[in-house]
Amino acid sequence: GNFYDRLVHQYVVDFIYFCLIDFPIFNVADIYVT
């Protein structure tokens, strides 16, 4: 998922922000990997 984004767009779209602990913004593919 993230490889495809980097190949096609030159960036990865991140959009989930856990602001309670100011965690870096992430996406669904990041959830899969983690």
Full PDB file with SEQRES, HELIX, SHEET, SSBOND, CRYST1, ORIGX, SCALE, CONECT and MASTER records, all heavy atoms in Angstrom:
SEQRES   1 A   34  GLY ASN PHE TYR ASP ARG LEU VAL HIS GLN TYR VAL VAL          
SEQRES   2 A   34  ASP PHE ILE TYR PHE CYS LEU ILE ASP PHE PRO ILE PHE          
SEQRES   3 A   34  ASN VAL ALA ASP ILE TYR VAL THR                              
HELIX    1 AA1 ASN A    2  HIS A    9  1                                   8    
HELIX    2 AA2 CYS A   19  ILE A   21  5                                   3    
HELIX    3 AA3 VAL A   28  VAL A   33  1                                   6    
CRYST1    1.000    1.000    1.000  90.00  90.00  90.00 P 1           1          
ORIGX1      1.000000  0.000000  0.000000        0.00000                         
ORIGX2      0.000000  1.000000  0.000000        0.00000                         
ORIGX3      0.000000  0.000000  1.000000        0.00000                         
SCALE1      1.000000  0.000000  0.000000        0.00000                         
SCALE2      0.000000  1.000000  0.000000        0.00000                         
SCALE3      0.000000  0.000000  1.000000        0.00000                         
ATOM      1  N   GLY A   1       0.815  -1.214   0.000  1.00  0.00           N  
ATOM      2  CA  GLY A   1       0.000   0.000   0.000  1.00  0.00           C  
ATOM      3  C   GLY A   1       0.847   1.261   0.000  1.00  0.00           C  
ATOM      4  O   GLY A   1       0.614   2.184  -0.790  1.00  0.00           O  
ATOM      5  N   ASN A   2       1.848   1.310   0.859  1.00  0.00           N  
ATOM      6  CA  ASN A   2       2.707   2.497   0.909  1.00  0.00           C  
ATOM      7  C   ASN A   2       3.686   2.528  -0.264  1.00  0.00           C  
ATOM      8  O   ASN A   2       4.002   3.602  -0.781  1.00  0.00           O  
ATOM      9  CB  ASN A   2       3.442   2.574   2.244  1.00  0.00           C  
ATOM     10  CG  ASN A   2       2.518   3.016   3.367  1.00  0.00           C  
ATOM     11  OD1 ASN A   2       1.470   3.600   3.138  1.00  0.00           O  
ATOM     12  ND2 ASN A   2       2.901   2.730   4.588  1.00  0.00           N  
ATOM     13  N   PHE A   3       4.156   1.366  -0.710  1.00  0.00           N  
ATOM     14  CA  PHE A   3       5.053   1.294  -1.868  1.00  0.00           C  
ATOM     15  C   PHE A   3       4.344   1.826  -3.118  1.00  0.00           C  
ATOM     16  O   PHE A   3       4.914   2.601  -3.888  1.00  0.00           O  
ATOM     17  CB  PHE A   3       5.512  -0.148  -2.069  1.00  0.00           C  
ATOM     18  CG  PHE A   3       6.464  -0.339  -3.210  1.00  0.00           C  
ATOM     19  CD1 PHE A   3       7.738   0.194  -3.169  1.00  0.00           C  
ATOM     20  CD2 PHE A   3       6.099  -1.076  -4.322  1.00  0.00           C  
ATOM     21  CE1 PHE A   3       8.636   0.008  -4.219  1.00  0.00           C  
ATOM     22  CE2 PHE A   3       6.976  -1.273  -5.376  1.00  0.00           C  
ATOM     23  CZ  PHE A   3       8.250  -0.729  -5.322  1.00  0.00           C  
ATOM     24  N   TYR A   4       3.119   1.408  -3.300  1.00  0.00           N  
ATOM     25  CA  TYR A   4       2.330   1.869  -4.451  1.00  0.00           C  
ATOM     26  C   TYR A   4       2.209   3.397  -4.433  1.00  0.00           C  
ATOM     27  O   TYR A   4       2.406   4.055  -5.460  1.00  0.00           O  
ATOM     28  CB  TYR A   4       0.943   1.219  -4.415  1.00  0.00           C  
ATOM     29  CG  TYR A   4       0.013   1.715  -5.490  1.00  0.00           C  
ATOM     30  CD1 TYR A   4       0.058   1.175  -6.769  1.00  0.00           C  
ATOM     31  CD2 TYR A   4      -0.910   2.732  -5.221  1.00  0.00           C  
ATOM     32  CE1 TYR A   4      -0.792   1.643  -7.763  1.00  0.00           C  
ATOM     33  CE2 TYR A   4      -1.759   3.202  -6.211  1.00  0.00           C  
ATOM     34  CZ  TYR A   4      -1.699   2.653  -7.470  1.00  0.00           C  
ATOM     35  OH  TYR A   4      -2.536   3.115  -8.456  1.00  0.00           O  
ATOM     36  N   ASP A   5       1.895   3.954  -3.271  1.00  0.00           N  
ATOM     37  CA  ASP A   5       1.768   5.416  -3.165  1.00  0.00           C  
ATOM     38  C   ASP A   5       3.074   6.113  -3.520  1.00  0.00           C  
ATOM     39  O   ASP A   5       3.071   7.122  -4.232  1.00  0.00           O  
ATOM     40  CB  ASP A   5       1.372   5.825  -1.746  1.00  0.00           C  
ATOM     41  CG  ASP A   5      -0.063   5.483  -1.420  1.00  0.00           C  
ATOM     42  OD1 ASP A   5      -0.816   5.112  -2.340  1.00  0.00           O  
ATOM     43  OD2 ASP A   5      -0.432   5.580  -0.240  1.00  0.00           O  
ATOM     44  N   ARG A   6       4.179   5.597  -3.014  1.00  0.00           N  
ATOM     45  CA  ARG A   6       5.473   6.221  -3.303  1.00  0.00           C  
ATOM     46  C   ARG A   6       5.803   6.133  -4.785  1.00  0.00           C  
ATOM     47  O   ARG A   6       6.358   7.060  -5.360  1.00  0.00           O  
ATOM     48  CB  ARG A   6       6.573   5.546  -2.486  1.00  0.00           C  
ATOM     49  CG  ARG A   6       6.541   5.936  -1.035  1.00  0.00           C  
ATOM     50  CD  ARG A   6       7.769   5.437  -0.282  1.00  0.00           C  
ATOM     51  NE  ARG A   6       7.661   5.818   1.101  1.00  0.00           N  
ATOM     52  CZ  ARG A   6       7.247   5.017   2.078  1.00  0.00           C  
ATOM     53  NH1 ARG A   6       6.927   3.772   1.800  1.00  0.00           N  
ATOM     54  NH2 ARG A   6       7.166   5.464   3.306  1.00  0.00           N  
ATOM     55  N   LEU A   7       5.468   5.012  -5.402  1.00  0.00           N  
ATOM     56  CA  LEU A   7       5.741   4.820  -6.821  1.00  0.00           C  
ATOM     57  C   LEU A   7       4.877   5.730  -7.687  1.00  0.00           C  
ATOM     58  O   LEU A   7       5.379   6.368  -8.612  1.00  0.00           O  
ATOM     59  CB  LEU A   7       5.468   3.350  -7.174  1.00  0.00           C  
ATOM     60  CG  LEU A   7       6.381   2.643  -8.135  1.00  0.00           C  
ATOM     61  CD1 LEU A   7       7.805   2.676  -7.635  1.00  0.00           C  
ATOM     62  CD2 LEU A   7       5.919   1.211  -8.320  1.00  0.00           C  
ATOM     63  N   VAL A   8       3.598   5.802  -7.380  1.00  0.00           N  
ATOM     64  CA  VAL A   8       2.650   6.537  -8.210  1.00  0.00           C  
ATOM     65  C   VAL A   8       2.635   8.030  -7.896  1.00  0.00           C  
ATOM     66  O   VAL A   8       2.593   8.858  -8.809  1.00  0.00           O  
ATOM     67  CB  VAL A   8       1.233   5.941  -8.062  1.00  0.00           C  
ATOM     68  CG1 VAL A   8       0.185   6.795  -8.749  1.00  0.00           C  
ATOM     69  CG2 VAL A   8       1.210   4.517  -8.605  1.00  0.00           C  
ATOM     70  N   HIS A   9       2.670   8.398  -6.600  1.00  0.00           N  
ATOM     71  CA  HIS A   9       2.500   9.800  -6.206  1.00  0.00           C  
ATOM     72  C   HIS A   9       3.777  10.465  -5.696  1.00  0.00           C  
ATOM     73  O   HIS A   9       3.804  11.664  -5.501  1.00  0.00           O  
ATOM     74  CB  HIS A   9       1.437   9.922  -5.106  1.00  0.00           C  
ATOM     75  CG  HIS A   9       0.148   9.258  -5.433  1.00  0.00           C  
ATOM     76  ND1 HIS A   9      -0.684   9.692  -6.446  1.00  0.00           N  
ATOM     77  CD2 HIS A   9      -0.469   8.180  -4.894  1.00  0.00           C  
ATOM     78  CE1 HIS A   9      -1.751   8.911  -6.507  1.00  0.00           C  
ATOM     79  NE2 HIS A   9      -1.641   7.988  -5.583  1.00  0.00           N  
ATOM     80  N   GLN A  10       4.796   9.677  -5.404  1.00  0.00           N  
ATOM     81  CA  GLN A  10       6.042  10.169  -4.785  1.00  0.00           C  
ATOM     82  C   GLN A  10       5.854  10.553  -3.318  1.00  0.00           C  
ATOM     83  O   GLN A  10       6.710  11.218  -2.738  1.00  0.00           O  
ATOM     84  CB  GLN A  10       6.641  11.352  -5.565  1.00  0.00           C  
ATOM     85  CG  GLN A  10       6.931  11.038  -7.018  1.00  0.00           C  
ATOM     86  CD  GLN A  10       7.896   9.868  -7.182  1.00  0.00           C  
ATOM     87  OE1 GLN A  10       8.977   9.902  -6.630  1.00  0.00           O  
ATOM     88  NE2 GLN A  10       7.506   8.846  -7.917  1.00  0.00           N  
ATOM     89  N   TYR A  11       4.735  10.183  -2.727  1.00  0.00           N  
ATOM     90  CA  TYR A  11       4.472  10.413  -1.312  1.00  0.00           C  
ATOM     91  C   TYR A  11       3.403   9.424  -0.844  1.00  0.00           C  
ATOM     92  O   TYR A  11       2.726   8.808  -1.660  1.00  0.00           O  
ATOM     93  CB  TYR A  11       4.021  11.852  -1.035  1.00  0.00           C  
ATOM     94  CG  TYR A  11       2.765  12.262  -1.764  1.00  0.00           C  
ATOM     95  CD1 TYR A  11       1.503  11.979  -1.251  1.00  0.00           C  
ATOM     96  CD2 TYR A  11       2.840  12.938  -2.978  1.00  0.00           C  
ATOM     97  CE1 TYR A  11       0.345  12.348  -1.920  1.00  0.00           C  
ATOM     98  CE2 TYR A  11       1.697  13.318  -3.651  1.00  0.00           C  
ATOM     99  CZ  TYR A  11       0.452  13.014  -3.118  1.00  0.00           C  
ATOM    100  OH  TYR A  11      -0.682  13.381  -3.785  1.00  0.00           O  
ATOM    101  N   VAL A  12       3.277   9.307   0.468  1.00  0.00           N  
ATOM    102  CA  VAL A  12       2.259   8.450   1.072  1.00  0.00           C  
ATOM    103  C   VAL A  12       1.236   9.360   1.751  1.00  0.00           C  
ATOM    104  O   VAL A  12       1.608  10.310   2.439  1.00  0.00           O  
ATOM    105  CB  VAL A  12       2.892   7.488   2.109  1.00  0.00           C  
ATOM    106  CG1 VAL A  12       1.826   6.702   2.856  1.00  0.00           C  
ATOM    107  CG2 VAL A  12       3.866   6.544   1.431  1.00  0.00           C  
ATOM    108  N   VAL A  13      -0.036   9.073   1.551  1.00  0.00           N  
ATOM    109  CA  VAL A  13      -1.093   9.832   2.207  1.00  0.00           C  
ATOM    110  C   VAL A  13      -1.274   9.290   3.624  1.00  0.00           C  
ATOM    111  O   VAL A  13      -1.567   8.119   3.820  1.00  0.00           O  
ATOM    112  CB  VAL A  13      -2.425   9.725   1.426  1.00  0.00           C  
ATOM    113  CG1 VAL A  13      -3.568  10.364   2.211  1.00  0.00           C  
ATOM    114  CG2 VAL A  13      -2.285  10.350   0.054  1.00  0.00           C  
ATOM    115  N   ASP A  14      -1.073  10.167   4.599  1.00  0.00           N  
ATOM    116  CA  ASP A  14      -1.332   9.849   6.005  1.00  0.00           C  
ATOM    117  C   ASP A  14      -2.495  10.715   6.458  1.00  0.00           C  
ATOM    118  O   ASP A  14      -2.651  11.847   5.988  1.00  0.00           O  
ATOM    119  CB  ASP A  14      -0.092  10.143   6.867  1.00  0.00           C  
ATOM    120  CG  ASP A  14       1.035   9.144   6.638  1.00  0.00           C  
ATOM    121  OD1 ASP A  14       0.749   7.990   6.249  1.00  0.00           O  
ATOM    122  OD2 ASP A  14       2.200   9.514   6.855  1.00  0.00           O  
ATOM    123  N   PHE A  15      -3.309  10.195   7.377  1.00  0.00           N  
ATOM    124  CA  PHE A  15      -4.493  10.970   7.754  1.00  0.00           C  
ATOM    125  C   PHE A  15      -5.038  10.680   9.148  1.00  0.00           C  
ATOM    126  O   PHE A  15      -5.967  11.346   9.597  1.00  0.00           O  
ATOM    127  CB  PHE A  15      -5.609  10.785   6.717  1.00  0.00           C  
ATOM    128  CG  PHE A  15      -6.014   9.339   6.546  1.00  0.00           C  
ATOM    129  CD1 PHE A  15      -7.052   8.802   7.284  1.00  0.00           C  
ATOM    130  CD2 PHE A  15      -5.351   8.529   5.644  1.00  0.00           C  
ATOM    131  CE1 PHE A  15      -7.422   7.477   7.124  1.00  0.00           C  
ATOM    132  CE2 PHE A  15      -5.708   7.207   5.465  1.00  0.00           C  
ATOM    133  CZ  PHE A  15      -6.750   6.676   6.219  1.00  0.00           C  
ATOM    134  N   ILE A  16      -4.502   9.725   9.855  1.00  0.00           N  
ATOM    135  CA  ILE A  16      -4.995   9.400  11.194  1.00  0.00           C  
ATOM    136  C   ILE A  16      -4.045  10.019  12.206  1.00  0.00           C  
ATOM    137  O   ILE A  16      -2.846   9.732  12.199  1.00  0.00           O  
ATOM    138  CB  ILE A  16      -5.094   7.872  11.403  1.00  0.00           C  
ATOM    139  CG1 ILE A  16      -5.994   7.243  10.334  1.00  0.00           C  
ATOM    140  CG2 ILE A  16      -5.620   7.567  12.814  1.00  0.00           C  
ATOM    141  CD1 ILE A  16      -5.936   5.728  10.276  1.00  0.00           C  
ATOM    142  N   TYR A  17      -4.580  10.862  13.057  1.00  0.00           N  
ATOM    143  CA  TYR A  17      -3.749  11.579  14.033  1.00  0.00           C  
ATOM    144  C   TYR A  17      -4.259  11.317  15.440  1.00  0.00           C  
ATOM    145  O   TYR A  17      -5.373  11.695  15.791  1.00  0.00           O  
ATOM    146  CB  TYR A  17      -3.754  13.081  13.730  1.00  0.00           C  
ATOM    147  CG  TYR A  17      -2.969  13.916  14.708  1.00  0.00           C  
ATOM    148  CD1 TYR A  17      -1.697  13.540  15.124  1.00  0.00           C  
ATOM    149  CD2 TYR A  17      -3.492  15.095  15.210  1.00  0.00           C  
ATOM    150  CE1 TYR A  17      -0.974  14.315  16.015  1.00  0.00           C  
ATOM    151  CE2 TYR A  17      -2.777  15.881  16.094  1.00  0.00           C  
ATOM    152  CZ  TYR A  17      -1.519  15.487  16.502  1.00  0.00           C  
ATOM    153  OH  TYR A  17      -0.811  16.251  17.391  1.00  0.00           O  
ATOM    154  N   PHE A  18      -3.445  10.639  16.228  1.00  0.00           N  
ATOM    155  CA  PHE A  18      -3.752  10.344  17.626  1.00  0.00           C  
ATOM    156  C   PHE A  18      -3.163  11.482  18.454  1.00  0.00           C  
ATOM    157  O   PHE A  18      -2.031  11.419  18.913  1.00  0.00           O  
ATOM    158  CB  PHE A  18      -3.165   8.983  18.003  1.00  0.00           C  
ATOM    159  CG  PHE A  18      -3.633   8.443  19.309  1.00  0.00           C  
ATOM    160  CD1 PHE A  18      -4.985   8.379  19.621  1.00  0.00           C  
ATOM    161  CD2 PHE A  18      -2.726   7.972  20.240  1.00  0.00           C  
ATOM    162  CE1 PHE A  18      -5.417   7.863  20.832  1.00  0.00           C  
ATOM    163  CE2 PHE A  18      -3.140   7.464  21.458  1.00  0.00           C  
ATOM    164  CZ  PHE A  18      -4.489   7.411  21.749  1.00  0.00           C  
ATOM    165  N   CYS A  19      -3.933  12.558  18.577  1.00  0.00           N  
ATOM    166  CA  CYS A  19      -3.424  13.792  19.174  1.00  0.00           C  
ATOM    167  C   CYS A  19      -3.276  13.712  20.693  1.00  0.00           C  
ATOM    168  O   CYS A  19      -2.571  14.542  21.275  1.00  0.00           O  
ATOM    169  CB  CYS A  19      -4.290  14.987  18.774  1.00  0.00           C  
ATOM    170  SG  CYS A  19      -6.027  14.806  19.148  1.00  0.00           S  
ATOM    171  N   LEU A  20      -3.881  12.749  21.333  1.00  0.00           N  
ATOM    172  CA  LEU A  20      -3.770  12.621  22.786  1.00  0.00           C  
ATOM    173  C   LEU A  20      -2.315  12.561  23.225  1.00  0.00           C  
ATOM    174  O   LEU A  20      -1.920  13.172  24.212  1.00  0.00           O  
ATOM    175  CB  LEU A  20      -4.521  11.376  23.275  1.00  0.00           C  
ATOM    176  CG  LEU A  20      -4.451  11.090  24.770  1.00  0.00           C  
ATOM    177  CD1 LEU A  20      -5.204  12.165  25.555  1.00  0.00           C  
ATOM    178  CD2 LEU A  20      -5.033   9.723  25.086  1.00  0.00           C  
ATOM    179  N   ILE A  21      -1.505  11.849  22.442  1.00  0.00           N  
ATOM    180  CA  ILE A  21      -0.080  11.740  22.769  1.00  0.00           C  
ATOM    181  C   ILE A  21       0.791  12.374  21.680  1.00  0.00           C  
ATOM    182  O   ILE A  21       1.984  12.132  21.630  1.00  0.00           O  
ATOM    183  CB  ILE A  21       0.340  10.272  22.997  1.00  0.00           C  
ATOM    184  CG1 ILE A  21       0.037   9.415  21.762  1.00  0.00           C  
ATOM    185  CG2 ILE A  21      -0.312   9.704  24.245  1.00  0.00           C  
ATOM    186  CD1 ILE A  21       0.591   8.012  21.821  1.00  0.00           C  
ATOM    187  N   ASP A  22       0.174  13.166  20.806  1.00  0.00           N  
ATOM    188  CA  ASP A  22       0.878  13.826  19.706  1.00  0.00           C  
ATOM    189  C   ASP A  22       1.681  12.811  18.890  1.00  0.00           C  
ATOM    190  O   ASP A  22       2.837  13.014  18.571  1.00  0.00           O  
ATOM    191  CB  ASP A  22       1.782  14.950  20.216  1.00  0.00           C  
ATOM    192  CG  ASP A  22       2.237  15.859  19.089  1.00  0.00           C  
ATOM    193  OD1 ASP A  22       1.520  15.971  18.084  1.00  0.00           O  
ATOM    194  OD2 ASP A  22       3.328  16.448  19.215  1.00  0.00           O  
ATOM    195  N   PHE A  23       1.032  11.679  18.573  1.00  0.00           N  
ATOM    196  CA  PHE A  23       1.654  10.615  17.793  1.00  0.00           C  
ATOM    197  C   PHE A  23       1.705  11.038  16.331  1.00  0.00           C  
ATOM    198  O   PHE A  23       0.804  11.703  15.841  1.00  0.00           O  
ATOM    199  CB  PHE A  23       0.838   9.326  17.947  1.00  0.00           C  
ATOM    200  CG  PHE A  23       1.564   8.102  17.502  1.00  0.00           C  
ATOM    201  CD1 PHE A  23       2.521   7.515  18.309  1.00  0.00           C  
ATOM    202  CD2 PHE A  23       1.307   7.531  16.267  1.00  0.00           C  
ATOM    203  CE1 PHE A  23       3.203   6.379  17.901  1.00  0.00           C  
ATOM    204  CE2 PHE A  23       1.990   6.397  15.850  1.00  0.00           C  
ATOM    205  CZ  PHE A  23       2.937   5.830  16.672  1.00  0.00           C  
ATOM    206  N   PRO A  24       2.763  10.662  15.594  1.00  0.00           N  
ATOM    207  CA  PRO A  24       2.842  11.024  14.171  1.00  0.00           C  
ATOM    208  C   PRO A  24       1.616  10.542  13.395  1.00  0.00           C  
ATOM    209  O   PRO A  24       1.036   9.503  13.704  1.00  0.00           O  
ATOM    210  CB  PRO A  24       4.103  10.310  13.693  1.00  0.00           C  
ATOM    211  CG  PRO A  24       4.939  10.178  14.925  1.00  0.00           C  
ATOM    212  CD  PRO A  24       3.957   9.951  16.045  1.00  0.00           C  
ATOM    213  N   ILE A  25       1.262  11.282  12.385  1.00  0.00           N  
ATOM    214  CA  ILE A  25       0.104  10.963  11.549  1.00  0.00           C  
ATOM    215  C   ILE A  25       0.422   9.703  10.736  1.00  0.00           C  
ATOM    216  O   ILE A  25       1.527   9.548  10.218  1.00  0.00           O  
ATOM    217  CB  ILE A  25      -0.238  12.167  10.651  1.00  0.00           C  
ATOM    218  CG1 ILE A  25      -0.525  13.377  11.529  1.00  0.00           C  
ATOM    219  CG2 ILE A  25      -1.412  11.852   9.743  1.00  0.00           C  
ATOM    220  CD1 ILE A  25      -0.581  14.688  10.777  1.00  0.00           C  
ATOM    221  N   PHE A  26      -0.543   8.806  10.616  1.00  0.00           N  
ATOM    222  CA  PHE A  26      -0.322   7.520   9.952  1.00  0.00           C  
ATOM    223  C   PHE A  26      -1.519   7.148   9.104  1.00  0.00           C  
ATOM    224  O   PHE A  26      -2.477   7.910   8.991  1.00  0.00           O  
ATOM    225  CB  PHE A  26       0.016   6.432  10.983  1.00  0.00           C  
ATOM    226  CG  PHE A  26      -1.022   6.250  12.064  1.00  0.00           C  
ATOM    227  CD1 PHE A  26      -1.981   5.262  11.975  1.00  0.00           C  
ATOM    228  CD2 PHE A  26      -1.030   7.075  13.191  1.00  0.00           C  
ATOM    229  CE1 PHE A  26      -2.930   5.090  12.970  1.00  0.00           C  
ATOM    230  CE2 PHE A  26      -1.971   6.909  14.200  1.00  0.00           C  
ATOM    231  CZ  PHE A  26      -2.923   5.919  14.086  1.00  0.00           C  
ATOM    232  N   ASN A  27      -1.462   5.960   8.486  1.00  0.00           N  
ATOM    233  CA  ASN A  27      -2.548   5.499   7.624  1.00  0.00           C  
ATOM    234  C   ASN A  27      -2.842   4.024   7.904  1.00  0.00           C  
ATOM    235  O   ASN A  27      -2.232   3.415   8.774  1.00  0.00           O  
ATOM    236  CB  ASN A  27      -2.212   5.749   6.149  1.00  0.00           C  
ATOM    237  CG  ASN A  27      -0.966   5.011   5.710  1.00  0.00           C  
ATOM    238  OD1 ASN A  27      -0.775   3.832   6.005  1.00  0.00           O  
ATOM    239  ND2 ASN A  27      -0.091   5.702   4.993  1.00  0.00           N  
ATOM    240  N   VAL A  28      -3.763   3.462   7.153  1.00  0.00           N  
ATOM    241  CA  VAL A  28      -4.190   2.075   7.362  1.00  0.00           C  
ATOM    242  C   VAL A  28      -3.044   1.093   7.077  1.00  0.00           C  
ATOM    243  O   VAL A  28      -2.853   0.130   7.827  1.00  0.00           O  
ATOM    244  CB  VAL A  28      -5.447   1.757   6.518  1.00  0.00           C  
ATOM    245  CG1 VAL A  28      -5.803   0.283   6.576  1.00  0.00           C  
ATOM    246  CG2 VAL A  28      -6.626   2.608   6.999  1.00  0.00           C  
ATOM    247  N   ALA A  29      -2.269   1.336   6.035  1.00  0.00           N  
ATOM    248  CA  ALA A  29      -1.132   0.449   5.737  1.00  0.00           C  
ATOM    249  C   ALA A  29      -0.135   0.434   6.895  1.00  0.00           C  
ATOM    250  O   ALA A  29       0.424  -0.618   7.226  1.00  0.00           O  
ATOM    251  CB  ALA A  29      -0.438   0.878   4.450  1.00  0.00           C  
ATOM    252  N   ASP A  30       0.076   1.590   7.516  1.00  0.00           N  
ATOM    253  CA  ASP A  30       0.969   1.658   8.676  1.00  0.00           C  
ATOM    254  C   ASP A  30       0.423   0.810   9.825  1.00  0.00           C  
ATOM    255  O   ASP A  30       1.186   0.178  10.557  1.00  0.00           O  
ATOM    256  CB  ASP A  30       1.142   3.103   9.151  1.00  0.00           C  
ATOM    257  CG  ASP A  30       1.794   3.997   8.114  1.00  0.00           C  
ATOM    258  OD1 ASP A  30       2.537   3.476   7.256  1.00  0.00           O  
ATOM    259  OD2 ASP A  30       1.559   5.223   8.163  1.00  0.00           O  
ATOM    260  N   ILE A  31      -0.894   0.811   9.983  1.00  0.00           N  
ATOM    261  CA  ILE A  31      -1.524  -0.020  11.021  1.00  0.00           C  
ATOM    262  C   ILE A  31      -1.259  -1.492  10.727  1.00  0.00           C  
ATOM    263  O   ILE A  31      -0.908  -2.257  11.619  1.00  0.00           O  
ATOM    264  CB  ILE A  31      -3.034   0.264  11.117  1.00  0.00           C  
ATOM    265  CG1 ILE A  31      -3.267   1.693  11.609  1.00  0.00           C  
ATOM    266  CG2 ILE A  31      -3.727  -0.746  12.027  1.00  0.00           C  
ATOM    267  CD1 ILE A  31      -4.724   2.157  11.506  1.00  0.00           C  
ATOM    268  N   TYR A  32      -1.410  -1.890   9.461  1.00  0.00           N  
ATOM    269  CA  TYR A  32      -1.146  -3.284   9.086  1.00  0.00           C  
ATOM    270  C   TYR A  32       0.279  -3.685   9.480  1.00  0.00           C  
ATOM    271  O   TYR A  32       0.493  -4.724  10.102  1.00  0.00           O  
ATOM    272  CB  TYR A  32      -1.277  -3.504   7.572  1.00  0.00           C  
ATOM    273  CG  TYR A  32      -2.630  -3.308   6.957  1.00  0.00           C  
ATOM    274  CD1 TYR A  32      -2.739  -3.100   5.590  1.00  0.00           C  
ATOM    275  CD2 TYR A  32      -3.801  -3.333   7.700  1.00  0.00           C  
ATOM    276  CE1 TYR A  32      -3.967  -2.936   4.970  1.00  0.00           C  
ATOM    277  CE2 TYR A  32      -5.033  -3.158   7.094  1.00  0.00           C  
ATOM    278  CZ  TYR A  32      -5.108  -2.961   5.725  1.00  0.00           C  
ATOM    279  OH  TYR A  32      -6.316  -2.795   5.119  1.00  0.00           O  
ATOM    280  N   VAL A  33       1.239  -2.867   9.078  1.00  0.00           N  
ATOM    281  CA  VAL A  33       2.649  -3.203   9.311  1.00  0.00           C  
ATOM    282  C   VAL A  33       2.960  -3.236  10.804  1.00  0.00           C  
ATOM    283  O   VAL A  33       3.571  -4.188  11.296  1.00  0.00           O  
ATOM    284  CB  VAL A  33       3.575  -2.209   8.563  1.00  0.00           C  
ATOM    285  CG1 VAL A  33       5.023  -2.416   8.951  1.00  0.00           C  
ATOM    286  CG2 VAL A  33       3.392  -2.359   7.057  1.00  0.00           C  
ATOM    287  N   THR A  34       2.530  -2.225  11.530  1.00  0.00           N  
ATOM    288  CA  THR A  34       2.829  -2.147  12.957  1.00  0.00           C  
ATOM    289  C   THR A  34       2.176  -3.281  13.735  1.00  0.00           C  
ATOM    290  O   THR A  34       2.839  -3.955  14.536  1.00  0.00           O  
ATOM    291  CB  THR A  34       2.367  -0.782  13.525  1.00  0.00           C  
ATOM    292  OG1 THR A  34       2.999   0.251  12.779  1.00  0.00           O  
ATOM    293  CG2 THR A  34       2.719  -0.654  14.984  1.00  0.00           C  
TER     294      THR A  34                                                      
MASTER        0    0    0    3    0    0    0    6  293    1    0    3          
END                                                                             
